[in-house]
Amino acid sequence: MIRALRREDRAALVDLLERTDVFTKEEISIALELIDSVLENPAQRDYIIRVSEEEAKVEGYYCIGPTPATDGTYDLYWIAVDPALHGKGVGKRLDEHALDLVRQMGGRLLIAETSSQPKYEKTRSFYVARGYKELARIREYYRPGDDLVVYGRYLTHT
């Protein structure tokens, strides 16, 4: 089941983000800022978080939001799955749900940004397998030797 974020999900999401062994402490802090923003201000419209749950256990989540000053472009800020469930289709279901939600809101493009570091190879492969295309790469964006890789998936024909 994929559903809206609930306050009781926070601890499980912290645990999940830490166990991925991919995100830095700073990245986890940013993810938690977005989670807390949604929990503390349900009326805000910048971030939408959905959680995958099976038998009352959090499996993963995504966070999307409309890109300011664009017409129909959305950002996929986070998608994370319990490491014990990698390769079991949870990420695929979350991504498909996010794409469907963006379509329902009139979105036409979903953007996902990631790092060029080797620890993100599975992430980059996931995006490509899901039909995202590499749209841009900014060399040494995060730090020397760490490029920003921008993937996008068009939801309508342009």
N, C-alpha and C. Protein backbone atom coordinates (compact mmCIF):
# COMPACT_ATOMS: atom_id res chain seq x y z
N MET A 1 0.84 -1.17 0.00
CA MET A 1 0.00 0.00 0.00
C MET A 1 0.89 1.25 0.00
N ILE A 2 0.54 2.21 -0.82
CA ILE A 2 1.23 3.50 -0.83
C ILE A 2 0.23 4.53 -0.34
N ARG A 3 0.65 5.29 0.65
CA ARG A 3 -0.25 6.21 1.33
C ARG A 3 0.49 7.48 1.73
N ALA A 4 -0.27 8.44 2.22
CA ALA A 4 0.32 9.70 2.69
C ALA A 4 1.17 9.47 3.95
N LEU A 5 2.14 10.32 4.12
CA LEU A 5 3.01 10.31 5.29
C LEU A 5 2.19 10.53 6.57
N ARG A 6 2.55 9.78 7.61
CA ARG A 6 1.95 9.96 8.94
C ARG A 6 3.06 10.22 9.95
N ARG A 7 2.71 10.92 11.01
CA ARG A 7 3.70 11.27 12.04
C ARG A 7 4.46 10.04 12.55
N GLU A 8 3.78 8.92 12.71
CA GLU A 8 4.43 7.72 13.24
C GLU A 8 5.43 7.09 12.26
N ASP A 9 5.48 7.58 11.03
CA ASP A 9 6.44 7.07 10.03
C ASP A 9 7.84 7.64 10.21
N ARG A 10 7.95 8.76 10.92
CA ARG A 10 9.21 9.49 10.96
C ARG A 10 10.38 8.62 11.44
N ALA A 11 10.22 7.95 12.55
CA ALA A 11 11.32 7.13 13.10
C ALA A 11 11.73 6.04 12.13
N ALA A 12 10.77 5.39 11.49
CA ALA A 12 11.08 4.34 10.52
C ALA A 12 11.82 4.91 9.32
N LEU A 13 11.46 6.12 8.91
CA LEU A 13 12.14 6.74 7.77
C LEU A 13 13.56 7.15 8.13
N VAL A 14 13.77 7.65 9.34
CA VAL A 14 15.13 7.97 9.79
C VAL A 14 15.98 6.70 9.73
N ASP A 15 15.47 5.62 10.29
CA ASP A 15 16.18 4.35 10.29
C ASP A 15 16.49 3.88 8.87
N LEU A 16 15.50 3.95 8.01
CA LEU A 16 15.66 3.52 6.62
C LEU A 16 16.75 4.34 5.92
N LEU A 17 16.69 5.68 6.06
CA LEU A 17 17.68 6.54 5.41
C LEU A 17 19.09 6.24 5.92
N GLU A 18 19.23 6.01 7.20
CA GLU A 18 20.55 5.69 7.76
C GLU A 18 21.06 4.34 7.27
N ARG A 19 20.17 3.35 7.17
CA ARG A 19 20.59 2.01 6.76
C ARG A 19 20.89 1.89 5.27
N THR A 20 20.47 2.85 4.47
CA THR A 20 20.80 2.76 3.04
C THR A 20 22.31 2.81 2.82
N ASP A 21 23.02 3.43 3.76
CA ASP A 21 24.47 3.54 3.69
C ASP A 21 24.93 4.27 2.43
N VAL A 22 24.06 5.12 1.91
CA VAL A 22 24.40 5.92 0.74
C VAL A 22 24.40 7.40 1.10
N PHE A 23 23.40 7.84 1.83
CA PHE A 23 23.24 9.25 2.13
C PHE A 23 24.19 9.69 3.23
N THR A 24 24.72 10.90 3.07
CA THR A 24 25.55 11.50 4.11
C THR A 24 24.65 12.00 5.24
N LYS A 25 25.26 12.34 6.37
CA LYS A 25 24.49 12.91 7.48
C LYS A 25 23.79 14.19 7.05
N GLU A 26 24.47 14.99 6.25
CA GLU A 26 23.86 16.24 5.76
C GLU A 26 22.65 15.95 4.87
N GLU A 27 22.77 14.95 3.99
CA GLU A 27 21.65 14.59 3.11
C GLU A 27 20.47 14.07 3.93
N ILE A 28 20.75 13.27 4.94
CA ILE A 28 19.67 12.77 5.80
C ILE A 28 19.01 13.93 6.53
N SER A 29 19.79 14.88 6.96
CA SER A 29 19.24 16.06 7.64
C SER A 29 18.29 16.82 6.71
N ILE A 30 18.68 16.95 5.44
CA ILE A 30 17.83 17.63 4.46
C ILE A 30 16.54 16.83 4.24
N ALA A 31 16.65 15.52 4.12
CA ALA A 31 15.46 14.67 3.94
C ALA A 31 14.51 14.86 5.12
N LEU A 32 15.07 14.92 6.32
CA LEU A 32 14.23 15.08 7.51
C LEU A 32 13.59 16.47 7.58
N GLU A 33 14.28 17.48 7.07
CA GLU A 33 13.67 18.81 7.00
C GLU A 33 12.40 18.77 6.16
N LEU A 34 12.45 18.06 5.03
CA LEU A 34 11.28 17.96 4.17
C LEU A 34 10.18 17.14 4.83
N ILE A 35 10.55 16.04 5.45
CA ILE A 35 9.57 15.22 6.17
C ILE A 35 8.91 16.05 7.26
N ASP A 36 9.70 16.77 8.03
CA ASP A 36 9.15 17.58 9.11
C ASP A 36 8.29 18.72 8.57
N SER A 37 8.67 19.28 7.45
CA SER A 37 7.87 20.34 6.84
C SER A 37 6.46 19.84 6.52
N VAL A 38 6.38 18.63 5.96
CA VAL A 38 5.08 18.05 5.62
C VAL A 38 4.29 17.72 6.89
N LEU A 39 4.97 17.17 7.89
CA LEU A 39 4.28 16.80 9.13
C LEU A 39 3.81 18.02 9.92
N GLU A 40 4.62 19.06 9.96
CA GLU A 40 4.29 20.23 10.76
C GLU A 40 3.35 21.21 10.08
N ASN A 41 3.31 21.17 8.76
CA ASN A 41 2.47 22.11 8.02
C ASN A 41 1.75 21.38 6.89
N PRO A 42 0.72 20.64 7.21
CA PRO A 42 0.02 19.85 6.19
C PRO A 42 -0.57 20.70 5.06
N ALA A 43 -0.76 21.99 5.30
CA ALA A 43 -1.33 22.86 4.26
C ALA A 43 -0.30 23.31 3.22
N GLN A 44 0.99 23.12 3.51
CA GLN A 44 2.02 23.53 2.55
C GLN A 44 1.86 22.73 1.26
N ARG A 45 2.29 23.28 0.15
CA ARG A 45 2.13 22.63 -1.16
C ARG A 45 3.45 22.41 -1.89
N ASP A 46 4.57 22.64 -1.18
CA ASP A 46 5.88 22.49 -1.82
C ASP A 46 6.33 21.04 -1.91
N TYR A 47 5.94 20.21 -0.94
CA TYR A 47 6.41 18.84 -0.87
C TYR A 47 5.23 17.89 -0.65
N ILE A 48 5.28 16.78 -1.36
CA ILE A 48 4.30 15.71 -1.22
C ILE A 48 5.08 14.45 -0.91
N ILE A 49 4.72 13.79 0.19
CA ILE A 49 5.44 12.58 0.58
C ILE A 49 4.45 11.42 0.65
N ARG A 50 4.84 10.32 0.02
CA ARG A 50 4.06 9.09 0.07
C ARG A 50 4.96 7.96 0.57
N VAL A 51 4.35 7.06 1.34
CA VAL A 51 5.08 5.98 2.00
C VAL A 51 4.54 4.64 1.51
N SER A 52 5.44 3.72 1.23
CA SER A 52 5.06 2.34 0.91
C SER A 52 5.08 1.55 2.21
N GLU A 53 3.99 0.84 2.46
CA GLU A 53 3.85 0.07 3.69
C GLU A 53 3.29 -1.31 3.37
N GLU A 54 3.84 -2.30 4.02
CA GLU A 54 3.34 -3.68 3.89
C GLU A 54 3.29 -4.28 5.28
N GLU A 55 2.15 -4.79 5.67
CA GLU A 55 1.96 -5.40 6.99
C GLU A 55 2.45 -4.48 8.11
N ALA A 56 2.05 -3.22 8.02
CA ALA A 56 2.37 -2.19 9.02
C ALA A 56 3.86 -1.88 9.13
N LYS A 57 4.64 -2.24 8.12
CA LYS A 57 6.08 -1.94 8.11
C LYS A 57 6.39 -1.02 6.94
N VAL A 58 7.08 0.09 7.24
CA VAL A 58 7.48 1.04 6.20
C VAL A 58 8.54 0.39 5.32
N GLU A 59 8.28 0.39 4.01
CA GLU A 59 9.22 -0.20 3.04
C GLU A 59 10.06 0.85 2.33
N GLY A 60 9.52 2.05 2.18
CA GLY A 60 10.21 3.10 1.46
C GLY A 60 9.30 4.31 1.33
N TYR A 61 9.84 5.35 0.68
CA TYR A 61 9.04 6.56 0.50
C TYR A 61 9.59 7.37 -0.67
N TYR A 62 8.76 8.32 -1.10
CA TYR A 62 9.24 9.32 -2.05
C TYR A 62 8.74 10.69 -1.62
N CYS A 63 9.45 11.70 -2.09
CA CYS A 63 9.07 13.09 -1.87
C CYS A 63 9.19 13.80 -3.20
N ILE A 64 8.08 14.39 -3.65
CA ILE A 64 8.07 15.17 -4.89
C ILE A 64 7.53 16.56 -4.58
N GLY A 65 7.69 17.45 -5.53
CA GLY A 65 7.09 18.78 -5.41
C GLY A 65 7.19 19.52 -6.72
N PRO A 66 6.27 20.47 -6.91
CA PRO A 66 6.31 21.28 -8.13
C PRO A 66 7.56 22.17 -8.12
N THR A 67 8.20 22.29 -9.27
CA THR A 67 9.37 23.14 -9.39
C THR A 67 8.90 24.58 -9.56
N PRO A 68 9.31 25.48 -8.66
CA PRO A 68 8.86 26.87 -8.75
C PRO A 68 9.18 27.48 -10.12
N ALA A 69 8.28 28.35 -10.57
CA ALA A 69 8.44 29.13 -11.80
C ALA A 69 8.48 28.27 -13.06
N THR A 70 7.89 27.08 -13.01
CA THR A 70 7.79 26.23 -14.20
C THR A 70 6.33 25.89 -14.45
N ASP A 71 6.08 25.40 -15.63
CA ASP A 71 4.74 24.95 -16.02
C ASP A 71 4.77 23.43 -16.15
N GLY A 72 4.39 22.75 -15.08
CA GLY A 72 4.26 21.30 -15.13
C GLY A 72 5.51 20.50 -14.86
N THR A 73 6.56 21.14 -14.36
CA THR A 73 7.78 20.41 -14.00
C THR A 73 7.75 20.14 -12.50
N TYR A 74 8.11 18.92 -12.14
CA TYR A 74 8.16 18.50 -10.75
C TYR A 74 9.53 17.93 -10.45
N ASP A 75 9.92 18.06 -9.19
CA ASP A 75 11.18 17.47 -8.72
C ASP A 75 10.88 16.22 -7.91
N LEU A 76 11.67 15.19 -8.14
CA LEU A 76 11.67 14.00 -7.29
C LEU A 76 12.83 14.23 -6.32
N TYR A 77 12.50 14.74 -5.15
CA TYR A 77 13.53 15.10 -4.18
C TYR A 77 14.16 13.88 -3.54
N TRP A 78 13.33 12.88 -3.20
CA TRP A 78 13.83 11.68 -2.53
C TRP A 78 13.02 10.48 -2.97
N ILE A 79 13.70 9.39 -3.15
CA ILE A 79 13.07 8.09 -3.23
C ILE A 79 14.04 7.14 -2.55
N ALA A 80 13.56 6.46 -1.54
CA ALA A 80 14.43 5.58 -0.76
C ALA A 80 13.65 4.34 -0.35
N VAL A 81 14.35 3.21 -0.38
CA VAL A 81 13.74 1.92 -0.07
C VAL A 81 14.59 1.22 0.98
N ASP A 82 13.94 0.52 1.88
CA ASP A 82 14.63 -0.30 2.86
C ASP A 82 15.65 -1.18 2.14
N PRO A 83 16.93 -1.13 2.52
CA PRO A 83 17.94 -1.92 1.82
C PRO A 83 17.63 -3.41 1.76
N ALA A 84 16.93 -3.93 2.75
CA ALA A 84 16.57 -5.36 2.75
C ALA A 84 15.58 -5.69 1.64
N LEU A 85 14.97 -4.66 1.06
CA LEU A 85 13.94 -4.86 0.03
C LEU A 85 14.40 -4.43 -1.36
N HIS A 86 15.67 -4.05 -1.49
CA HIS A 86 16.17 -3.67 -2.81
C HIS A 86 16.00 -4.84 -3.78
N GLY A 87 15.56 -4.52 -4.99
CA GLY A 87 15.37 -5.53 -6.02
C GLY A 87 14.04 -6.27 -5.91
N LYS A 88 13.18 -5.86 -4.99
CA LYS A 88 11.89 -6.53 -4.78
C LYS A 88 10.72 -5.77 -5.41
N GLY A 89 11.01 -4.68 -6.13
CA GLY A 89 9.95 -3.94 -6.81
C GLY A 89 9.36 -2.78 -6.03
N VAL A 90 9.83 -2.53 -4.82
CA VAL A 90 9.29 -1.43 -4.02
C VAL A 90 9.61 -0.09 -4.68
N GLY A 91 10.85 0.11 -5.09
CA GLY A 91 11.23 1.35 -5.75
C GLY A 91 10.45 1.58 -7.02
N LYS A 92 10.25 0.53 -7.78
CA LYS A 92 9.47 0.62 -9.02
C LYS A 92 8.04 1.07 -8.72
N ARG A 93 7.43 0.47 -7.70
CA ARG A 93 6.06 0.85 -7.33
C ARG A 93 5.99 2.29 -6.86
N LEU A 94 6.97 2.71 -6.06
CA LEU A 94 7.00 4.08 -5.58
C LEU A 94 7.16 5.06 -6.75
N ASP A 95 8.07 4.74 -7.66
CA ASP A 95 8.29 5.61 -8.81
C ASP A 95 7.04 5.69 -9.67
N GLU A 96 6.40 4.58 -9.93
CA GLU A 96 5.19 4.57 -10.75
C GLU A 96 4.08 5.39 -10.08
N HIS A 97 3.98 5.27 -8.77
CA HIS A 97 2.99 6.04 -8.03
C HIS A 97 3.29 7.54 -8.15
N ALA A 98 4.56 7.90 -8.00
CA ALA A 98 4.96 9.31 -8.13
C ALA A 98 4.64 9.83 -9.52
N LEU A 99 4.96 9.06 -10.55
CA LEU A 99 4.67 9.47 -11.92
C LEU A 99 3.17 9.65 -12.13
N ASP A 100 2.37 8.73 -11.62
CA ASP A 100 0.91 8.84 -11.75
C ASP A 100 0.39 10.08 -11.03
N LEU A 101 0.92 10.35 -9.85
CA LEU A 101 0.48 11.52 -9.10
C LEU A 101 0.85 12.81 -9.83
N VAL A 102 2.05 12.86 -10.37
CA VAL A 102 2.46 14.05 -11.13
C VAL A 102 1.54 14.24 -12.34
N ARG A 103 1.22 13.15 -13.04
CA ARG A 103 0.29 13.24 -14.18
C ARG A 103 -1.07 13.79 -13.73
N GLN A 104 -1.58 13.28 -12.61
CA GLN A 104 -2.88 13.72 -12.10
C GLN A 104 -2.89 15.22 -11.79
N MET A 105 -1.73 15.74 -11.41
CA MET A 105 -1.63 17.16 -11.07
C MET A 105 -1.29 18.01 -12.29
N GLY A 106 -1.30 17.39 -13.48
CA GLY A 106 -1.03 18.13 -14.70
C GLY A 106 0.44 18.28 -15.02
N GLY A 107 1.28 17.50 -14.35
CA GLY A 107 2.72 17.58 -14.60
C GLY A 107 3.09 16.96 -15.93
N ARG A 108 4.19 17.44 -16.48
CA ARG A 108 4.66 16.94 -17.77
C ARG A 108 6.10 16.44 -17.73
N LEU A 109 6.82 16.76 -16.65
CA LEU A 109 8.24 16.38 -16.54
C LEU A 109 8.58 16.17 -15.07
N LEU A 110 9.24 15.04 -14.80
CA LEU A 110 9.73 14.75 -13.45
C LEU A 110 11.25 14.70 -13.49
N ILE A 111 11.88 15.51 -12.67
CA ILE A 111 13.34 15.65 -12.63
C ILE A 111 13.88 14.97 -11.38
N ALA A 112 14.97 14.23 -11.53
CA ALA A 112 15.66 13.60 -10.40
C ALA A 112 17.14 13.93 -10.52
N GLU A 113 17.71 14.42 -9.44
CA GLU A 113 19.13 14.76 -9.41
C GLU A 113 19.86 13.78 -8.51
N THR A 114 21.08 13.42 -8.92
CA THR A 114 21.89 12.53 -8.09
C THR A 114 23.36 12.81 -8.32
N SER A 115 24.18 12.08 -7.63
CA SER A 115 25.62 12.23 -7.65
C SER A 115 26.26 11.24 -8.64
N SER A 116 27.43 11.60 -9.10
CA SER A 116 28.18 10.70 -9.99
C SER A 116 29.06 9.71 -9.22
N GLN A 117 29.07 9.82 -7.89
CA GLN A 117 29.92 8.95 -7.08
C GLN A 117 29.54 7.48 -7.29
N PRO A 118 30.52 6.58 -7.19
CA PRO A 118 30.24 5.15 -7.39
C PRO A 118 29.14 4.60 -6.48
N LYS A 119 29.01 5.12 -5.27
CA LYS A 119 27.97 4.59 -4.37
C LYS A 119 26.56 4.88 -4.88
N TYR A 120 26.43 5.76 -5.87
CA TYR A 120 25.14 6.07 -6.46
C TYR A 120 24.91 5.36 -7.79
N GLU A 121 25.75 4.41 -8.13
CA GLU A 121 25.60 3.69 -9.40
C GLU A 121 24.25 2.98 -9.48
N LYS A 122 23.83 2.33 -8.41
CA LYS A 122 22.53 1.64 -8.41
C LYS A 122 21.39 2.64 -8.60
N THR A 123 21.53 3.81 -8.01
CA THR A 123 20.52 4.86 -8.17
C THR A 123 20.43 5.29 -9.63
N ARG A 124 21.57 5.55 -10.23
CA ARG A 124 21.57 5.97 -11.64
C ARG A 124 21.01 4.87 -12.53
N SER A 125 21.38 3.64 -12.27
CA SER A 125 20.85 2.51 -13.05
C SER A 125 19.34 2.38 -12.88
N PHE A 126 18.85 2.63 -11.68
CA PHE A 126 17.41 2.58 -11.41
C PHE A 126 16.69 3.59 -12.29
N TYR A 127 17.18 4.83 -12.31
CA TYR A 127 16.52 5.86 -13.12
C TYR A 127 16.50 5.47 -14.60
N VAL A 128 17.61 5.00 -15.11
CA VAL A 128 17.67 4.61 -16.53
C VAL A 128 16.70 3.46 -16.80
N ALA A 129 16.69 2.47 -15.94
CA ALA A 129 15.78 1.33 -16.12
C ALA A 129 14.32 1.76 -16.07
N ARG A 130 14.02 2.83 -15.34
CA ARG A 130 12.66 3.32 -15.20
C ARG A 130 12.27 4.30 -16.32
N GLY A 131 13.16 4.50 -17.29
CA GLY A 131 12.81 5.34 -18.44
C GLY A 131 13.24 6.79 -18.34
N TYR A 132 13.99 7.12 -17.30
CA TYR A 132 14.53 8.48 -17.20
C TYR A 132 15.73 8.59 -18.13
N LYS A 133 15.95 9.78 -18.65
CA LYS A 133 17.10 10.06 -19.51
C LYS A 133 18.02 11.04 -18.79
N GLU A 134 19.32 10.87 -18.99
CA GLU A 134 20.25 11.85 -18.45
C GLU A 134 20.11 13.12 -19.28
N LEU A 135 19.68 14.20 -18.64
CA LEU A 135 19.45 15.47 -19.34
C LEU A 135 20.61 16.44 -19.19
N ALA A 136 21.36 16.30 -18.11
CA ALA A 136 22.47 17.23 -17.88
C ALA A 136 23.44 16.62 -16.88
N ARG A 137 24.66 17.14 -16.95
CA ARG A 137 25.70 16.76 -16.00
C ARG A 137 26.55 17.99 -15.77
N ILE A 138 26.69 18.35 -14.50
CA ILE A 138 27.53 19.49 -14.15
C ILE A 138 28.74 18.94 -13.41
N ARG A 139 29.90 19.08 -14.03
CA ARG A 139 31.12 18.53 -13.46
C ARG A 139 31.47 19.21 -12.14
N GLU A 140 31.89 18.38 -11.20
CA GLU A 140 32.40 18.82 -9.91
C GLU A 140 31.44 19.76 -9.18
N TYR A 141 30.15 19.48 -9.32
CA TYR A 141 29.10 20.30 -8.72
C TYR A 141 29.12 20.21 -7.19
N TYR A 142 29.10 18.99 -6.68
CA TYR A 142 29.04 18.81 -5.22
C TYR A 142 30.39 19.05 -4.56
N ARG A 143 31.43 18.59 -5.23
CA ARG A 143 32.80 18.74 -4.74
C ARG A 143 33.71 18.23 -5.86
N PRO A 144 35.02 18.45 -5.80
CA PRO A 144 35.88 17.93 -6.85
C PRO A 144 35.68 16.42 -7.03
N GLY A 145 35.47 16.00 -8.27
CA GLY A 145 35.28 14.60 -8.59
C GLY A 145 33.87 14.08 -8.38
N ASP A 146 32.93 14.97 -8.05
CA ASP A 146 31.55 14.56 -7.78
C ASP A 146 30.59 15.43 -8.58
N ASP A 147 30.17 14.89 -9.72
CA ASP A 147 29.28 15.61 -10.63
C ASP A 147 27.83 15.53 -10.17
N LEU A 148 27.06 16.53 -10.57
CA LEU A 148 25.60 16.47 -10.46
C LEU A 148 25.09 15.84 -11.74
N VAL A 149 24.28 14.79 -11.63
CA VAL A 149 23.69 14.14 -12.79
C VAL A 149 22.18 14.36 -12.70
N VAL A 150 21.62 14.98 -13.75
CA VAL A 150 20.20 15.31 -13.77
C VAL A 150 19.49 14.37 -14.74
N TYR A 151 18.52 13.65 -14.19
CA TYR A 151 17.69 12.75 -15.01
C TYR A 151 16.30 13.36 -15.12
N GLY A 152 15.64 13.06 -16.23
CA GLY A 152 14.27 13.52 -16.39
C GLY A 152 13.44 12.48 -17.10
N ARG A 153 12.16 12.52 -16.80
CA ARG A 153 11.21 11.66 -17.51
C ARG A 153 10.04 12.51 -17.93
N TYR A 154 9.86 12.61 -19.24
CA TYR A 154 8.73 13.37 -19.78
C TYR A 154 7.49 12.50 -19.71
N LEU A 155 6.41 13.10 -19.24
CA LEU A 155 5.17 12.37 -19.03
C LEU A 155 4.17 12.59 -20.16
N THR A 156 4.44 13.56 -21.00
CA THR A 156 3.61 13.83 -22.15
C THR A 156 4.53 14.03 -23.34
N HIS A 157 3.98 13.87 -24.51
CA HIS A 157 4.78 14.12 -25.72
C HIS A 157 4.84 15.61 -25.97
N THR A 158 6.05 16.09 -26.26
CA THR A 158 6.21 17.53 -26.53
C THR A 158 6.57 17.73 -27.98
